[in-house]
Amino acid sequence: MKCHVNENCIGCALCTMTCPAVFTMGPDGKAIASETVPAGEEADARQALEGCPVGAIEEVDA
């Protein structure tokens, strides 16, 4: 599983609280997704994706 944070990100940091192994906040105050979702973190990454209030997290083809 791979995730991408698109331009809709509002910097709420909900994803970083839900799945800190995958999402961090960048210097611009917007979320950044790691290159790939580590094994065992898929459920939390999916929860972050589904819980994003603006739909800024997308699953991309591996």
N, C-alpha and C. Protein backbone atom coordinates (compact mmCIF):
# COMPACT_ATOMS: atom_id res chain seq x y z
N MET A 1 0.85 -1.18 0.00
CA MET A 1 0.00 0.00 0.00
C MET A 1 0.89 1.24 0.00
N LYS A 2 0.52 2.20 -0.83
CA LYS A 2 1.18 3.50 -0.85
C LYS A 2 0.12 4.58 -0.76
N CYS A 3 0.47 5.65 -0.07
CA CYS A 3 -0.45 6.78 0.07
C CYS A 3 0.20 8.04 -0.46
N HIS A 4 -0.63 8.95 -0.90
CA HIS A 4 -0.19 10.27 -1.37
C HIS A 4 -1.10 11.31 -0.74
N VAL A 5 -0.51 12.40 -0.28
CA VAL A 5 -1.30 13.52 0.24
C VAL A 5 -1.38 14.56 -0.87
N ASN A 6 -2.59 14.88 -1.30
CA ASN A 6 -2.75 15.82 -2.40
C ASN A 6 -2.87 17.27 -1.91
N GLU A 7 -3.10 18.17 -2.85
CA GLU A 7 -3.14 19.60 -2.56
C GLU A 7 -4.32 20.04 -1.70
N ASN A 8 -5.26 19.16 -1.45
CA ASN A 8 -6.42 19.51 -0.61
C ASN A 8 -6.08 19.56 0.87
N CYS A 9 -4.90 19.10 1.26
CA CYS A 9 -4.53 19.03 2.67
C CYS A 9 -4.66 20.41 3.33
N ILE A 10 -5.31 20.43 4.50
CA ILE A 10 -5.48 21.67 5.25
C ILE A 10 -4.59 21.72 6.49
N GLY A 11 -3.76 20.71 6.66
CA GLY A 11 -2.82 20.71 7.77
C GLY A 11 -3.44 20.45 9.13
N CYS A 12 -4.51 19.69 9.18
CA CYS A 12 -5.19 19.42 10.45
C CYS A 12 -4.43 18.44 11.34
N ALA A 13 -3.52 17.68 10.76
CA ALA A 13 -2.67 16.71 11.46
C ALA A 13 -3.40 15.48 11.97
N LEU A 14 -4.64 15.28 11.59
CA LEU A 14 -5.38 14.10 12.01
C LEU A 14 -4.68 12.83 11.55
N CYS A 15 -4.16 12.83 10.35
CA CYS A 15 -3.47 11.63 9.83
C CYS A 15 -2.21 11.32 10.63
N THR A 16 -1.48 12.35 11.05
CA THR A 16 -0.26 12.12 11.82
C THR A 16 -0.57 11.56 13.20
N MET A 17 -1.72 11.90 13.73
CA MET A 17 -2.13 11.34 15.03
C MET A 17 -2.64 9.91 14.86
N THR A 18 -3.27 9.62 13.74
CA THR A 18 -3.82 8.30 13.47
C THR A 18 -2.75 7.30 13.07
N CYS A 19 -1.80 7.73 12.26
CA CYS A 19 -0.77 6.82 11.75
C CYS A 19 0.57 7.55 11.63
N PRO A 20 1.23 7.79 12.75
CA PRO A 20 2.50 8.52 12.71
C PRO A 20 3.63 7.77 12.01
N ALA A 21 3.47 6.47 11.82
CA ALA A 21 4.49 5.70 11.10
C ALA A 21 4.51 6.04 9.61
N VAL A 22 3.43 6.63 9.11
CA VAL A 22 3.32 6.92 7.68
C VAL A 22 3.26 8.42 7.41
N PHE A 23 2.57 9.17 8.26
CA PHE A 23 2.33 10.59 7.99
C PHE A 23 3.09 11.50 8.95
N THR A 24 3.68 12.53 8.39
CA THR A 24 4.36 13.57 9.16
C THR A 24 3.90 14.92 8.62
N MET A 25 4.22 15.96 9.37
CA MET A 25 3.89 17.30 8.91
C MET A 25 5.14 17.92 8.29
N GLY A 26 4.98 18.51 7.13
CA GLY A 26 6.09 19.15 6.43
C GLY A 26 6.30 20.58 6.92
N PRO A 27 7.35 21.21 6.48
CA PRO A 27 7.66 22.57 6.89
C PRO A 27 6.60 23.59 6.47
N ASP A 28 5.80 23.23 5.48
CA ASP A 28 4.72 24.13 5.04
C ASP A 28 3.43 23.93 5.83
N GLY A 29 3.47 23.04 6.83
CA GLY A 29 2.29 22.79 7.64
C GLY A 29 1.31 21.80 7.04
N LYS A 30 1.69 21.17 5.95
CA LYS A 30 0.84 20.18 5.29
C LYS A 30 1.42 18.79 5.54
N ALA A 31 0.55 17.78 5.48
CA ALA A 31 0.97 16.40 5.73
C ALA A 31 1.79 15.85 4.56
N ILE A 32 2.67 14.93 4.91
CA ILE A 32 3.49 14.22 3.94
C ILE A 32 3.37 12.73 4.25
N ALA A 33 3.21 11.91 3.23
CA ALA A 33 3.16 10.46 3.41
C ALA A 33 4.53 9.87 3.09
N SER A 34 4.93 8.86 3.88
CA SER A 34 6.20 8.18 3.59
C SER A 34 6.08 7.43 2.27
N GLU A 35 7.21 7.02 1.75
CA GLU A 35 7.27 6.36 0.44
C GLU A 35 6.33 5.16 0.36
N THR A 36 6.37 4.28 1.34
CA THR A 36 5.47 3.13 1.39
C THR A 36 4.97 2.95 2.82
N VAL A 37 3.86 2.27 2.95
CA VAL A 37 3.30 1.98 4.27
C VAL A 37 4.01 0.74 4.82
N PRO A 38 4.65 0.86 5.98
CA PRO A 38 5.35 -0.29 6.55
C PRO A 38 4.39 -1.44 6.87
N ALA A 39 4.91 -2.65 6.84
CA ALA A 39 4.12 -3.82 7.19
C ALA A 39 3.55 -3.63 8.59
N GLY A 40 2.31 -3.96 8.75
CA GLY A 40 1.66 -3.84 10.04
C GLY A 40 1.00 -2.50 10.28
N GLU A 41 1.20 -1.53 9.38
CA GLU A 41 0.63 -0.20 9.53
C GLU A 41 -0.51 0.07 8.55
N GLU A 42 -0.86 -0.93 7.76
CA GLU A 42 -1.87 -0.74 6.73
C GLU A 42 -3.22 -0.31 7.29
N ALA A 43 -3.66 -0.94 8.38
CA ALA A 43 -4.97 -0.62 8.96
C ALA A 43 -5.01 0.83 9.44
N ASP A 44 -3.95 1.28 10.11
CA ASP A 44 -3.91 2.66 10.59
C ASP A 44 -3.83 3.64 9.42
N ALA A 45 -3.07 3.29 8.38
CA ALA A 45 -2.97 4.15 7.21
C ALA A 45 -4.32 4.27 6.52
N ARG A 46 -5.03 3.16 6.41
CA ARG A 46 -6.37 3.21 5.79
C ARG A 46 -7.34 4.03 6.64
N GLN A 47 -7.23 3.91 7.96
CA GLN A 47 -8.08 4.70 8.85
C GLN A 47 -7.79 6.19 8.65
N ALA A 48 -6.53 6.56 8.50
CA ALA A 48 -6.17 7.96 8.25
C ALA A 48 -6.74 8.42 6.91
N LEU A 49 -6.61 7.57 5.89
CA LEU A 49 -7.14 7.90 4.57
C LEU A 49 -8.64 8.13 4.63
N GLU A 50 -9.34 7.21 5.25
CA GLU A 50 -10.81 7.31 5.32
C GLU A 50 -11.27 8.42 6.25
N GLY A 51 -10.45 8.79 7.22
CA GLY A 51 -10.84 9.81 8.18
C GLY A 51 -10.44 11.23 7.82
N CYS A 52 -9.70 11.39 6.73
CA CYS A 52 -9.28 12.73 6.33
C CYS A 52 -10.51 13.59 6.04
N PRO A 53 -10.66 14.72 6.73
CA PRO A 53 -11.87 15.52 6.57
C PRO A 53 -12.02 16.18 5.20
N VAL A 54 -10.95 16.28 4.44
CA VAL A 54 -11.03 16.90 3.12
C VAL A 54 -10.66 15.96 1.99
N GLY A 55 -10.49 14.68 2.28
CA GLY A 55 -10.18 13.69 1.25
C GLY A 55 -8.83 13.93 0.59
N ALA A 56 -7.85 14.41 1.37
CA ALA A 56 -6.55 14.74 0.80
C ALA A 56 -5.61 13.55 0.68
N ILE A 57 -5.98 12.41 1.28
CA ILE A 57 -5.11 11.25 1.22
C ILE A 57 -5.66 10.27 0.20
N GLU A 58 -4.80 9.87 -0.70
CA GLU A 58 -5.19 8.95 -1.76
C GLU A 58 -4.32 7.71 -1.70
N GLU A 59 -4.90 6.57 -2.01
CA GLU A 59 -4.11 5.35 -2.17
C GLU A 59 -3.63 5.32 -3.60
N VAL A 60 -2.36 5.07 -3.79
CA VAL A 60 -1.79 5.02 -5.14
C VAL A 60 -1.30 3.61 -5.44
N ASP A 61 -1.21 3.29 -6.73
CA ASP A 61 -0.75 1.97 -7.14
C ASP A 61 0.69 1.75 -6.69
N ALA A 62 0.95 0.56 -6.20
CA ALA A 62 2.30 0.21 -5.72
C ALA A 62 3.25 -0.01 -6.87
